[in-house]
Amino acid sequence: LRTLFLALALLLLAACSAPTPEPTPEPRWLPRPGTAWQWQL
C-alpha cells in the first residue's frame, strides 16, 4: 500500500509541475470571394 500511495503521489506531483500547454492561436480570418461588406470611415 505504501508503494502504491507513493506512486500515486509521484504521478500527482508530476501532473502539477507539468508546464501548462500554450493555447493554440486562432487561425487568421480569411474572407472568401463574394463576401458582402460595408466600408464606413
Full PDB file with SEQRES, HELIX, SHEET, SSBOND, CRYST1, ORIGX, SCALE, CONECT and MASTER records, all heavy atoms in Angstrom:
SEQRES   1 A   41  LEU ARG THR LEU PHE LEU ALA LEU ALA LEU LEU LEU LEU          
SEQRES   2 A   41  ALA ALA CYS SER ALA PRO THR PRO GLU PRO THR PRO GLU          
SEQRES   3 A   41  PRO ARG TRP LEU PRO ARG PRO GLY THR ALA TRP GLN TRP          
SEQRES   4 A   41  GLN LEU                                                      
HELIX    1 AA1 ARG A    2  SER A   17  1                                  16    
CRYST1    1.000    1.000    1.000  90.00  90.00  90.00 P 1           1          
ORIGX1      1.000000  0.000000  0.000000        0.00000                         
ORIGX2      0.000000  1.000000  0.000000        0.00000                         
ORIGX3      0.000000  0.000000  1.000000        0.00000                         
SCALE1      1.000000  0.000000  0.000000        0.00000                         
SCALE2      0.000000  1.000000  0.000000        0.00000                         
SCALE3      0.000000  0.000000  1.000000        0.00000                         
ATOM      1  N   LEU A   1       0.831  -1.207   0.000  1.00  0.00           N  
ATOM      2  CA  LEU A   1       0.000   0.000   0.000  1.00  0.00           C  
ATOM      3  C   LEU A   1       0.860   1.250   0.000  1.00  0.00           C  
ATOM      4  O   LEU A   1       0.562   2.234  -0.688  1.00  0.00           O  
ATOM      5  CB  LEU A   1      -0.926  -0.004   1.216  1.00  0.00           C  
ATOM      6  CG  LEU A   1      -2.081  -1.015   1.166  1.00  0.00           C  
ATOM      7  CD1 LEU A   1      -2.805  -1.041   2.502  1.00  0.00           C  
ATOM      8  CD2 LEU A   1      -3.051  -0.651   0.042  1.00  0.00           C  
ATOM      9  N   ARG A   2       1.945   1.183   0.772  1.00  0.00           N  
ATOM     10  CA  ARG A   2       2.839   2.340   0.801  1.00  0.00           C  
ATOM     11  C   ARG A   2       3.426   2.610  -0.578  1.00  0.00           C  
ATOM     12  O   ARG A   2       3.546   3.762  -1.021  1.00  0.00           O  
ATOM     13  CB  ARG A   2       3.967   2.119   1.810  1.00  0.00           C  
ATOM     14  CG  ARG A   2       3.507   2.213   3.262  1.00  0.00           C  
ATOM     15  CD  ARG A   2       4.641   1.883   4.190  1.00  0.00           C  
ATOM     16  NE  ARG A   2       4.233   1.975   5.593  1.00  0.00           N  
ATOM     17  CZ  ARG A   2       4.963   1.558   6.607  1.00  0.00           C  
ATOM     18  NH1 ARG A   2       6.148   0.985   6.369  1.00  0.00           N  
ATOM     19  NH2 ARG A   2       4.536   1.695   7.841  1.00  0.00           N  
ATOM     20  N   THR A   3       3.803   1.531  -1.228  1.00  0.00           N  
ATOM     21  CA  THR A   3       4.360   1.673  -2.587  1.00  0.00           C  
ATOM     22  C   THR A   3       3.336   2.278  -3.531  1.00  0.00           C  
ATOM     23  O   THR A   3       3.638   3.154  -4.356  1.00  0.00           O  
ATOM     24  CB  THR A   3       4.818   0.308  -3.118  1.00  0.00           C  
ATOM     25  OG1 THR A   3       5.791  -0.239  -2.221  1.00  0.00           O  
ATOM     26  CG2 THR A   3       5.414   0.443  -4.506  1.00  0.00           C  
ATOM     27  N   LEU A   4       2.075   1.818  -3.402  1.00  0.00           N  
ATOM     28  CA  LEU A   4       1.009   2.320  -4.274  1.00  0.00           C  
ATOM     29  C   LEU A   4       0.771   3.804  -4.018  1.00  0.00           C  
ATOM     30  O   LEU A   4       0.650   4.603  -4.950  1.00  0.00           O  
ATOM     31  CB  LEU A   4      -0.270   1.521  -4.028  1.00  0.00           C  
ATOM     32  CG  LEU A   4      -1.502   1.939  -4.861  1.00  0.00           C  
ATOM     33  CD1 LEU A   4      -1.213   1.819  -6.352  1.00  0.00           C  
ATOM     34  CD2 LEU A   4      -2.703   1.084  -4.476  1.00  0.00           C  
ATOM     35  N   PHE A   5       0.676   4.186  -2.734  1.00  0.00           N  
ATOM     36  CA  PHE A   5       0.454   5.596  -2.402  1.00  0.00           C  
ATOM     37  C   PHE A   5       1.615   6.466  -2.873  1.00  0.00           C  
ATOM     38  O   PHE A   5       1.417   7.592  -3.348  1.00  0.00           O  
ATOM     39  CB  PHE A   5       0.257   5.759  -0.892  1.00  0.00           C  
ATOM     40  CG  PHE A   5      -1.096   5.319  -0.410  1.00  0.00           C  
ATOM     41  CD1 PHE A   5      -1.224   4.489   0.698  1.00  0.00           C  
ATOM     42  CD2 PHE A   5      -2.256   5.729  -1.068  1.00  0.00           C  
ATOM     43  CE1 PHE A   5      -2.476   4.080   1.132  1.00  0.00           C  
ATOM     44  CE2 PHE A   5      -3.508   5.322  -0.624  1.00  0.00           C  
ATOM     45  CZ  PHE A   5      -3.623   4.492   0.466  1.00  0.00           C  
ATOM     46  N   LEU A   6       2.816   5.959  -2.755  1.00  0.00           N  
ATOM     47  CA  LEU A   6       3.985   6.715  -3.205  1.00  0.00           C  
ATOM     48  C   LEU A   6       3.937   6.934  -4.710  1.00  0.00           C  
ATOM     49  O   LEU A   6       4.222   8.029  -5.209  1.00  0.00           O  
ATOM     50  CB  LEU A   6       5.268   5.969  -2.805  1.00  0.00           C  
ATOM     51  CG  LEU A   6       6.575   6.643  -3.226  1.00  0.00           C  
ATOM     52  CD1 LEU A   6       6.699   8.030  -2.591  1.00  0.00           C  
ATOM     53  CD2 LEU A   6       7.770   5.769  -2.817  1.00  0.00           C  
ATOM     54  N   ALA A   7       3.553   5.900  -5.463  1.00  0.00           N  
ATOM     55  CA  ALA A   7       3.453   6.021  -6.918  1.00  0.00           C  
ATOM     56  C   ALA A   7       2.388   7.041  -7.307  1.00  0.00           C  
ATOM     57  O   ALA A   7       2.585   7.866  -8.211  1.00  0.00           O  
ATOM     58  CB  ALA A   7       3.132   4.661  -7.535  1.00  0.00           C  
ATOM     59  N   LEU A   8       1.238   7.012  -6.604  1.00  0.00           N  
ATOM     60  CA  LEU A   8       0.177   7.977  -6.897  1.00  0.00           C  
ATOM     61  C   LEU A   8       0.625   9.395  -6.582  1.00  0.00           C  
ATOM     62  O   LEU A   8       0.332  10.339  -7.329  1.00  0.00           O  
ATOM     63  CB  LEU A   8      -1.068   7.623  -6.093  1.00  0.00           C  
ATOM     64  CG  LEU A   8      -1.844   6.376  -6.543  1.00  0.00           C  
ATOM     65  CD1 LEU A   8      -2.932   6.036  -5.538  1.00  0.00           C  
ATOM     66  CD2 LEU A   8      -2.439   6.597  -7.935  1.00  0.00           C  
ATOM     67  N   ALA A   9       1.342   9.549  -5.481  1.00  0.00           N  
ATOM     68  CA  ALA A   9       1.825  10.877  -5.103  1.00  0.00           C  
ATOM     69  C   ALA A   9       2.790  11.422  -6.151  1.00  0.00           C  
ATOM     70  O   ALA A   9       2.762  12.607  -6.501  1.00  0.00           O  
ATOM     71  CB  ALA A   9       2.499  10.820  -3.736  1.00  0.00           C  
ATOM     72  N   LEU A  10       3.667  10.547  -6.646  1.00  0.00           N  
ATOM     73  CA  LEU A  10       4.611  10.984  -7.673  1.00  0.00           C  
ATOM     74  C   LEU A  10       3.906  11.374  -8.958  1.00  0.00           C  
ATOM     75  O   LEU A  10       4.284  12.342  -9.628  1.00  0.00           O  
ATOM     76  CB  LEU A  10       5.628   9.866  -7.939  1.00  0.00           C  
ATOM     77  CG  LEU A  10       6.621   9.592  -6.813  1.00  0.00           C  
ATOM     78  CD1 LEU A  10       7.463   8.350  -7.130  1.00  0.00           C  
ATOM     79  CD2 LEU A  10       7.536  10.803  -6.604  1.00  0.00           C  
ATOM     80  N   LEU A  11       2.853  10.638  -9.313  1.00  0.00           N  
ATOM     81  CA  LEU A  11       2.079  10.978 -10.509  1.00  0.00           C  
ATOM     82  C   LEU A  11       1.392  12.327 -10.359  1.00  0.00           C  
ATOM     83  O   LEU A  11       1.373  13.148 -11.288  1.00  0.00           O  
ATOM     84  CB  LEU A  11       1.050   9.887 -10.802  1.00  0.00           C  
ATOM     85  CG  LEU A  11       1.578   8.569 -11.372  1.00  0.00           C  
ATOM     86  CD1 LEU A  11       0.467   7.525 -11.417  1.00  0.00           C  
ATOM     87  CD2 LEU A  11       2.157   8.788 -12.773  1.00  0.00           C  
ATOM     88  N   LEU A  12       0.797  12.564  -9.178  1.00  0.00           N  
ATOM     89  CA  LEU A  12       0.141  13.849  -8.941  1.00  0.00           C  
ATOM     90  C   LEU A  12       1.133  14.990  -8.963  1.00  0.00           C  
ATOM     91  O   LEU A  12       0.858  16.068  -9.505  1.00  0.00           O  
ATOM     92  CB  LEU A  12      -0.592  13.813  -7.594  1.00  0.00           C  
ATOM     93  CG  LEU A  12      -1.862  12.954  -7.541  1.00  0.00           C  
ATOM     94  CD1 LEU A  12      -2.350  12.845  -6.100  1.00  0.00           C  
ATOM     95  CD2 LEU A  12      -2.942  13.572  -8.420  1.00  0.00           C  
ATOM     96  N   LEU A  13       2.302  14.767  -8.375  1.00  0.00           N  
ATOM     97  CA  LEU A  13       3.339  15.793  -8.369  1.00  0.00           C  
ATOM     98  C   LEU A  13       3.785  16.122  -9.784  1.00  0.00           C  
ATOM     99  O   LEU A  13       3.959  17.286 -10.154  1.00  0.00           O  
ATOM    100  CB  LEU A  13       4.527  15.327  -7.529  1.00  0.00           C  
ATOM    101  CG  LEU A  13       5.694  16.317  -7.401  1.00  0.00           C  
ATOM    102  CD1 LEU A  13       5.225  17.603  -6.725  1.00  0.00           C  
ATOM    103  CD2 LEU A  13       6.840  15.688  -6.622  1.00  0.00           C  
ATOM    104  N   ALA A  14       3.950  15.092 -10.590  1.00  0.00           N  
ATOM    105  CA  ALA A  14       4.368  15.314 -11.977  1.00  0.00           C  
ATOM    106  C   ALA A  14       3.307  16.074 -12.756  1.00  0.00           C  
ATOM    107  O   ALA A  14       3.604  16.965 -13.552  1.00  0.00           O  
ATOM    108  CB  ALA A  14       4.651  13.966 -12.654  1.00  0.00           C  
ATOM    109  N   ALA A  15       2.043  15.732 -12.500  1.00  0.00           N  
ATOM    110  CA  ALA A  15       0.952  16.416 -13.212  1.00  0.00           C  
ATOM    111  C   ALA A  15       0.890  17.882 -12.817  1.00  0.00           C  
ATOM    112  O   ALA A  15       0.650  18.760 -13.655  1.00  0.00           O  
ATOM    113  CB  ALA A  15      -0.376  15.732 -12.921  1.00  0.00           C  
ATOM    114  N   CYS A  16       1.086  18.169 -11.520  1.00  0.00           N  
ATOM    115  CA  CYS A  16       1.009  19.551 -11.052  1.00  0.00           C  
ATOM    116  C   CYS A  16       2.176  20.390 -11.551  1.00  0.00           C  
ATOM    117  O   CYS A  16       2.048  21.593 -11.763  1.00  0.00           O  
ATOM    118  CB  CYS A  16       0.966  19.595  -9.526  1.00  0.00           C  
ATOM    119  SG  CYS A  16      -0.578  18.912  -8.855  1.00  0.00           S  
ATOM    120  N   SER A  17       3.334  19.755 -11.692  1.00  0.00           N  
ATOM    121  CA  SER A  17       4.523  20.507 -12.089  1.00  0.00           C  
ATOM    122  C   SER A  17       4.692  20.596 -13.599  1.00  0.00           C  
ATOM    123  O   SER A  17       5.557  21.312 -14.088  1.00  0.00           O  
ATOM    124  CB  SER A  17       5.776  19.865 -11.476  1.00  0.00           C  
ATOM    125  OG  SER A  17       5.915  18.523 -11.943  1.00  0.00           O  
ATOM    126  N   ALA A  18       3.873  19.871 -14.355  1.00  0.00           N  
ATOM    127  CA  ALA A  18       3.996  19.921 -15.820  1.00  0.00           C  
ATOM    128  C   ALA A  18       3.613  21.295 -16.324  1.00  0.00           C  
ATOM    129  O   ALA A  18       2.672  21.921 -15.827  1.00  0.00           O  
ATOM    130  CB  ALA A  18       3.085  18.860 -16.453  1.00  0.00           C  
ATOM    131  N   PRO A  19       4.342  21.825 -17.296  1.00  0.00           N  
ATOM    132  CA  PRO A  19       4.015  23.151 -17.825  1.00  0.00           C  
ATOM    133  C   PRO A  19       2.642  23.153 -18.480  1.00  0.00           C  
ATOM    134  O   PRO A  19       2.238  22.188 -19.121  1.00  0.00           O  
ATOM    135  CB  PRO A  19       5.120  23.410 -18.860  1.00  0.00           C  
ATOM    136  CG  PRO A  19       5.624  22.049 -19.234  1.00  0.00           C  
ATOM    137  CD  PRO A  19       5.479  21.212 -18.002  1.00  0.00           C  
ATOM    138  N   THR A  20       1.911  24.266 -18.267  1.00  0.00           N  
ATOM    139  CA  THR A  20       0.597  24.409 -18.903  1.00  0.00           C  
ATOM    140  C   THR A  20       0.793  24.611 -20.399  1.00  0.00           C  
ATOM    141  O   THR A  20       1.574  25.474 -20.809  1.00  0.00           O  
ATOM    142  CB  THR A  20      -0.150  25.622 -18.320  1.00  0.00           C  
ATOM    143  OG1 THR A  20      -0.260  25.450 -16.907  1.00  0.00           O  
ATOM    144  CG2 THR A  20      -1.529  25.767 -18.946  1.00  0.00           C  
ATOM    145  N   PRO A  21       0.135  23.809 -21.212  1.00  0.00           N  
ATOM    146  CA  PRO A  21       0.334  23.968 -22.653  1.00  0.00           C  
ATOM    147  C   PRO A  21      -0.157  25.320 -23.133  1.00  0.00           C  
ATOM    148  O   PRO A  21      -1.153  25.853 -22.644  1.00  0.00           O  
ATOM    149  CB  PRO A  21      -0.509  22.826 -23.255  1.00  0.00           C  
ATOM    150  CG  PRO A  21      -1.510  22.493 -22.197  1.00  0.00           C  
ATOM    151  CD  PRO A  21      -0.825  22.751 -20.888  1.00  0.00           C  
ATOM    152  N   GLU A  22       0.583  25.905 -24.074  1.00  0.00           N  
ATOM    153  CA  GLU A  22       0.183  27.180 -24.647  1.00  0.00           C  
ATOM    154  C   GLU A  22      -1.110  27.007 -25.441  1.00  0.00           C  
ATOM    155  O   GLU A  22      -1.270  26.021 -26.154  1.00  0.00           O  
ATOM    156  CB  GLU A  22       1.280  27.710 -25.582  1.00  0.00           C  
ATOM    157  CG  GLU A  22       2.555  28.129 -24.870  1.00  0.00           C  
ATOM    158  CD  GLU A  22       2.352  29.384 -24.041  1.00  0.00           C  
ATOM    159  OE1 GLU A  22       1.506  30.212 -24.426  1.00  0.00           O  
ATOM    160  OE2 GLU A  22       3.023  29.519 -23.008  1.00  0.00           O  
ATOM    161  N   PRO A  23      -2.043  27.967 -25.322  1.00  0.00           N  
ATOM    162  CA  PRO A  23      -3.269  27.856 -26.113  1.00  0.00           C  
ATOM    163  C   PRO A  23      -2.970  27.944 -27.603  1.00  0.00           C  
ATOM    164  O   PRO A  23      -2.091  28.701 -28.022  1.00  0.00           O  
ATOM    165  CB  PRO A  23      -4.101  29.057 -25.646  1.00  0.00           C  
ATOM    166  CG  PRO A  23      -3.103  30.015 -25.064  1.00  0.00           C  
ATOM    167  CD  PRO A  23      -2.009  29.166 -24.486  1.00  0.00           C  
ATOM    168  N   THR A  24      -3.664  27.163 -28.379  1.00  0.00           N  
ATOM    169  CA  THR A  24      -3.453  27.190 -29.818  1.00  0.00           C  
ATOM    170  C   THR A  24      -4.009  28.490 -30.384  1.00  0.00           C  
ATOM    171  O   THR A  24      -5.179  28.814 -30.158  1.00  0.00           O  
ATOM    172  CB  THR A  24      -4.171  25.997 -30.493  1.00  0.00           C  
ATOM    173  OG1 THR A  24      -3.670  24.794 -29.915  1.00  0.00           O  
ATOM    174  CG2 THR A  24      -3.935  26.001 -31.990  1.00  0.00           C  
ATOM    175  N   PRO A  25      -3.185  29.283 -31.088  1.00  0.00           N  
ATOM    176  CA  PRO A  25      -3.694  30.543 -31.620  1.00  0.00           C  
ATOM    177  C   PRO A  25      -4.777  30.297 -32.659  1.00  0.00           C  
ATOM    178  O   PRO A  25      -4.722  29.324 -33.417  1.00  0.00           O  
ATOM    179  CB  PRO A  25      -2.443  31.183 -32.261  1.00  0.00           C  
ATOM    180  CG  PRO A  25      -1.508  30.042 -32.518  1.00  0.00           C  
ATOM    181  CD  PRO A  25      -1.775  29.039 -31.439  1.00  0.00           C  
ATOM    182  N   GLU A  26      -5.772  31.176 -32.659  1.00  0.00           N  
ATOM    183  CA  GLU A  26      -6.832  31.052 -33.643  1.00  0.00           C  
ATOM    184  C   GLU A  26      -6.291  31.370 -35.029  1.00  0.00           C  
ATOM    185  O   GLU A  26      -5.457  32.267 -35.173  1.00  0.00           O  
ATOM    186  CB  GLU A  26      -7.980  31.998 -33.298  1.00  0.00           C  
ATOM    187  CG  GLU A  26      -8.714  31.644 -32.023  1.00  0.00           C  
ATOM    188  CD  GLU A  26      -9.927  32.522 -31.810  1.00  0.00           C  
ATOM    189  OE1 GLU A  26     -10.274  33.278 -32.731  1.00  0.00           O  
ATOM    190  OE2 GLU A  26     -10.522  32.432 -30.728  1.00  0.00           O  
ATOM    191  N   PRO A  27      -6.744  30.647 -36.037  1.00  0.00           N  
ATOM    192  CA  PRO A  27      -6.273  30.946 -37.388  1.00  0.00           C  
ATOM    193  C   PRO A  27      -6.753  32.320 -37.835  1.00  0.00           C  
ATOM    194  O   PRO A  27      -7.789  32.812 -37.375  1.00  0.00           O  
ATOM    195  CB  PRO A  27      -6.900  29.831 -38.231  1.00  0.00           C  
ATOM    196  CG  PRO A  27      -8.092  29.383 -37.445  1.00  0.00           C  
ATOM    197  CD  PRO A  27      -7.713  29.547 -36.002  1.00  0.00           C  
ATOM    198  N   ARG A  28      -5.971  32.947 -38.700  1.00  0.00           N  
ATOM    199  CA  ARG A  28      -6.380  34.245 -39.223  1.00  0.00           C  
ATOM    200  C   ARG A  28      -7.685  34.124 -40.005  1.00  0.00           C  
ATOM    201  O   ARG A  28      -7.935  33.123 -40.671  1.00  0.00           O  
ATOM    202  CB  ARG A  28      -5.311  34.820 -40.160  1.00  0.00           C  
ATOM    203  CG  ARG A  28      -4.045  35.276 -39.496  1.00  0.00           C  
ATOM    204  CD  ARG A  28      -3.243  36.183 -40.423  1.00  0.00           C  
ATOM    205  NE  ARG A  28      -3.030  35.639 -41.742  1.00  0.00           N  
ATOM    206  CZ  ARG A  28      -2.027  34.846 -42.102  1.00  0.00           C  
ATOM    207  NH1 ARG A  28      -1.152  34.468 -41.191  1.00  0.00           N  
ATOM    208  NH2 ARG A  28      -1.903  34.418 -43.337  1.00  0.00           N  
ATOM    209  N   TRP A  29      -8.477  35.155 -39.919  1.00  0.00           N  
ATOM    210  CA  TRP A  29      -9.703  35.234 -40.707  1.00  0.00           C  
ATOM    211  C   TRP A  29      -9.333  35.437 -42.177  1.00  0.00           C  
ATOM    212  O   TRP A  29      -8.540  36.312 -42.514  1.00  0.00           O  
ATOM    213  CB  TRP A  29     -10.550  36.398 -40.211  1.00  0.00           C  
ATOM    214  CG  TRP A  29     -11.709  36.728 -41.105  1.00  0.00           C  
ATOM    215  CD1 TRP A  29     -12.732  35.908 -41.458  1.00  0.00           C  
ATOM    216  CD2 TRP A  29     -11.961  37.984 -41.746  1.00  0.00           C  
ATOM    217  NE1 TRP A  29     -13.610  36.570 -42.286  1.00  0.00           N  
ATOM    218  CE2 TRP A  29     -13.163  37.845 -42.476  1.00  0.00           C  
ATOM    219  CE3 TRP A  29     -11.290  39.214 -41.775  1.00  0.00           C  
ATOM    220  CZ2 TRP A  29     -13.700  38.891 -43.226  1.00  0.00           C  
ATOM    221  CZ3 TRP A  29     -11.824  40.249 -42.509  1.00  0.00           C  
ATOM    222  CH2 TRP A  29     -13.016  40.086 -43.227  1.00  0.00           C  
ATOM    223  N   LEU A  30      -9.893  34.618 -43.047  1.00  0.00           N  
ATOM    224  CA  LEU A  30      -9.605  34.702 -44.479  1.00  0.00           C  
ATOM    225  C   LEU A  30     -10.920  34.880 -45.234  1.00  0.00           C  
ATOM    226  O   LEU A  30     -11.624  33.912 -45.504  1.00  0.00           O  
ATOM    227  CB  LEU A  30      -8.879  33.435 -44.955  1.00  0.00           C  
ATOM    228  CG  LEU A  30      -7.546  33.131 -44.258  1.00  0.00           C  
ATOM    229  CD1 LEU A  30      -6.990  31.799 -44.729  1.00  0.00           C  
ATOM    230  CD2 LEU A  30      -6.542  34.262 -44.523  1.00  0.00           C  
ATOM    231  N   PRO A  31     -11.280  36.117 -45.573  1.00  0.00           N  
ATOM    232  CA  PRO A  31     -12.558  36.353 -46.258  1.00  0.00           C  
ATOM    233  C   PRO A  31     -12.565  35.747 -47.658  1.00  0.00           C  
ATOM    234  O   PRO A  31     -11.588  35.853 -48.398  1.00  0.00           O  
ATOM    235  CB  PRO A  31     -12.664  37.880 -46.312  1.00  0.00           C  
ATOM    236  CG  PRO A  31     -11.258  38.367 -46.190  1.00  0.00           C  
ATOM    237  CD  PRO A  31     -10.540  37.365 -45.341  1.00  0.00           C  
ATOM    238  N   ARG A  32     -13.658  35.128 -48.010  1.00  0.00           N  
ATOM    239  CA  ARG A  32     -13.789  34.435 -49.286  1.00  0.00           C  
ATOM    240  C   ARG A  32     -14.369  35.359 -50.354  1.00  0.00           C  
ATOM    241  O   ARG A  32     -15.049  36.337 -50.047  1.00  0.00           O  
ATOM    242  CB  ARG A  32     -14.697  33.210 -49.123  1.00  0.00           C  
ATOM    243  CG  ARG A  32     -14.307  32.292 -47.989  1.00  0.00           C  
ATOM    244  CD  ARG A  32     -12.971  31.649 -48.196  1.00  0.00           C  
ATOM    245  NE  ARG A  32     -12.974  30.744 -49.338  1.00  0.00           N  
ATOM    246  CZ  ARG A  32     -11.898  30.097 -49.798  1.00  0.00           C  
ATOM    247  NH1 ARG A  32     -10.730  30.291 -49.226  1.00  0.00           N  
ATOM    248  NH2 ARG A  32     -11.988  29.280 -50.811  1.00  0.00           N  
ATOM    249  N   PRO A  33     -14.131  35.056 -51.615  1.00  0.00           N  
ATOM    250  CA  PRO A  33     -14.701  35.879 -52.692  1.00  0.00           C  
ATOM    251  C   PRO A  33     -16.218  35.988 -52.579  1.00  0.00           C  
ATOM    252  O   PRO A  33     -16.905  35.023 -52.252  1.00  0.00           O  
ATOM    253  CB  PRO A  33     -14.288  35.122 -53.962  1.00  0.00           C  
ATOM    254  CG  PRO A  33     -13.036  34.402 -53.583  1.00  0.00           C  
ATOM    255  CD  PRO A  33     -13.234  33.998 -52.156  1.00  0.00           C  
ATOM    256  N   GLY A  34     -16.715  37.187 -52.842  1.00  0.00           N  
ATOM    257  CA  GLY A  34     -18.149  37.422 -52.801  1.00  0.00           C  
ATOM    258  C   GLY A  34     -18.697  37.818 -51.448  1.00  0.00           C  
ATOM    259  O   GLY A  34     -19.896  38.071 -51.321  1.00  0.00           O  
ATOM    260  N   THR A  35     -17.859  37.896 -50.423  1.00  0.00           N  
ATOM    261  CA  THR A  35     -18.312  38.286 -49.091  1.00  0.00           C  
ATOM    262  C   THR A  35     -18.782  39.738 -49.095  1.00  0.00           C  
ATOM    263  O   THR A  35     -18.025  40.636 -49.465  1.00  0.00           O  
ATOM    264  CB  THR A  35     -17.179  38.116 -48.057  1.00  0.00           C  
ATOM    265  OG1 THR A  35     -16.712  36.773 -48.079  1.00  0.00           O  
ATOM    266  CG2 THR A  35     -17.660  38.468 -46.662  1.00  0.00           C  
ATOM    267  N   ALA A  36     -20.008  39.979 -48.684  1.00  0.00           N  
ATOM    268  CA  ALA A  36     -20.554  41.342 -48.671  1.00  0.00           C  
ATOM    269  C   ALA A  36     -19.908  42.161 -47.544  1.00  0.00           C  
ATOM    270  O   ALA A  36     -19.526  41.616 -46.505  1.00  0.00           O  
ATOM    271  CB  ALA A  36     -22.065  41.299 -48.498  1.00  0.00           C  
ATOM    272  N   TRP A  37     -19.837  43.479 -47.761  1.00  0.00           N  
ATOM    273  CA  TRP A  37     -19.161  44.317 -46.779  1.00  0.00           C  
ATOM    274  C   TRP A  37     -19.732  45.718 -46.751  1.00  0.00           C  
ATOM    275  O   TRP A  37     -20.437  46.145 -47.661  1.00  0.00           O  
ATOM    276  CB  TRP A  37     -17.656  44.368 -47.054  1.00  0.00           C  
ATOM    277  CG  TRP A  37     -17.253  45.121 -48.313  1.00  0.00           C  
ATOM    278  CD1 TRP A  37     -17.766  44.967 -49.575  1.00  0.00           C  
ATOM    279  CD2 TRP A  37     -16.254  46.137 -48.411  1.00  0.00           C  
ATOM    280  NE1 TRP A  37     -17.131  45.811 -50.450  1.00  0.00           N  
ATOM    281  CE2 TRP A  37     -16.200  46.546 -49.761  1.00  0.00           C  
ATOM    282  CE3 TRP A  37     -15.386  46.725 -47.494  1.00  0.00           C  
ATOM    283  CZ2 TRP A  37     -15.310  47.519 -50.219  1.00  0.00           C  
ATOM    284  CZ3 TRP A  37     -14.500  47.698 -47.952  1.00  0.00           C  
ATOM    285  CH2 TRP A  37     -14.464  48.086 -49.300  1.00  0.00           C  
ATOM    286  N   GLN A  38     -19.409  46.438 -45.654  1.00  0.00           N  
ATOM    287  CA  GLN A  38     -19.696  47.851 -45.520  1.00  0.00           C  
ATOM    288  C   GLN A  38     -18.390  48.559 -45.200  1.00  0.00           C  
ATOM    289  O   GLN A  38     -17.588  48.082 -44.378  1.00  0.00           O  
ATOM    290  CB  GLN A  38     -20.717  48.105 -44.415  1.00  0.00           C  
ATOM    291  CG  GLN A  38     -20.848  49.540 -43.933  1.00  0.00           C  
ATOM    292  CD  GLN A  38     -21.405  50.511 -44.970  1.00  0.00           C  
ATOM    293  OE1 GLN A  38     -21.059  50.441 -46.158  1.00  0.00           O  
ATOM    294  NE2 GLN A  38     -22.254  51.411 -44.537  1.00  0.00           N  
ATOM    295  N   TRP A  39     -18.175  49.691 -45.870  1.00  0.00           N  
ATOM    296  CA  TRP A  39     -16.971  50.498 -45.664  1.00  0.00           C  
ATOM    297  C   TRP A  39     -17.421  51.852 -45.164  1.00  0.00           C  
ATOM    298  O   TRP A  39     -17.966  52.645 -45.926  1.00  0.00           O  
ATOM    299  CB  TRP A  39     -16.227  50.616 -46.982  1.00  0.00           C  
ATOM    300  CG  TRP A  39     -14.810  51.082 -46.895  1.00  0.00           C  
ATOM    301  CD1 TRP A  39     -14.010  51.103 -45.800  1.00  0.00           C  
ATOM    302  CD2 TRP A  39     -14.019  51.558 -47.989  1.00  0.00           C  
ATOM    303  NE1 TRP A  39     -12.760  51.572 -46.127  1.00  0.00           N  
ATOM    304  CE2 TRP A  39     -12.750  51.847 -47.457  1.00  0.00           C  
ATOM    305  CE3 TRP A  39     -14.260  51.760 -49.334  1.00  0.00           C  
ATOM    306  CZ2 TRP A  39     -11.714  52.351 -48.253  1.00  0.00           C  
ATOM    307  CZ3 TRP A  39     -13.228  52.249 -50.128  1.00  0.00           C  
ATOM    308  CH2 TRP A  39     -11.968  52.540 -49.599  1.00  0.00           C  
ATOM    309  N   GLN A  40     -17.224  52.112 -43.870  1.00  0.00           N  
ATOM    310  CA  GLN A  40     -17.644  53.383 -43.289  1.00  0.00           C  
ATOM    311  C   GLN A  40     -16.492  53.988 -42.502  1.00  0.00           C  
ATOM    312  O   GLN A  40     -16.147  53.516 -41.419  1.00  0.00           O  
ATOM    313  CB  GLN A  40     -18.878  53.215 -42.383  1.00  0.00           C  
ATOM    314  CG  GLN A  40     -19.395  54.565 -41.889  1.00  0.00           C  
ATOM    315  CD  GLN A  40     -20.493  54.463 -40.861  1.00  0.00           C  
ATOM    316  OE1 GLN A  40     -21.136  53.424 -40.695  1.00  0.00           O  
ATOM    317  NE2 GLN A  40     -20.724  55.548 -40.145  1.00  0.00           N  
ATOM    318  N   LEU A  41     -15.934  55.060 -43.039  1.00  0.00           N  
ATOM    319  CA  LEU A  41     -14.835  55.742 -42.368  1.00  0.00           C  
ATOM    320  C   LEU A  41     -15.246  57.083 -41.791  1.00  0.00           C  
ATOM    321  O   LEU A  41     -14.430  57.763 -41.164  1.00  0.00           O  
ATOM    322  CB  LEU A  41     -13.662  55.951 -43.347  1.00  0.00           C  
ATOM    323  CG  LEU A  41     -13.073  54.697 -43.977  1.00  0.00           C  
ATOM    324  CD1 LEU A  41     -11.854  55.051 -44.831  1.00  0.00           C  
ATOM    325  CD2 LEU A  41     -12.705  53.652 -42.939  1.00  0.00           C  
TER     326      LEU A  41                                                      
MASTER        0    0    0    1    0    0    0    6  325    1    0    4          
END                                                                             
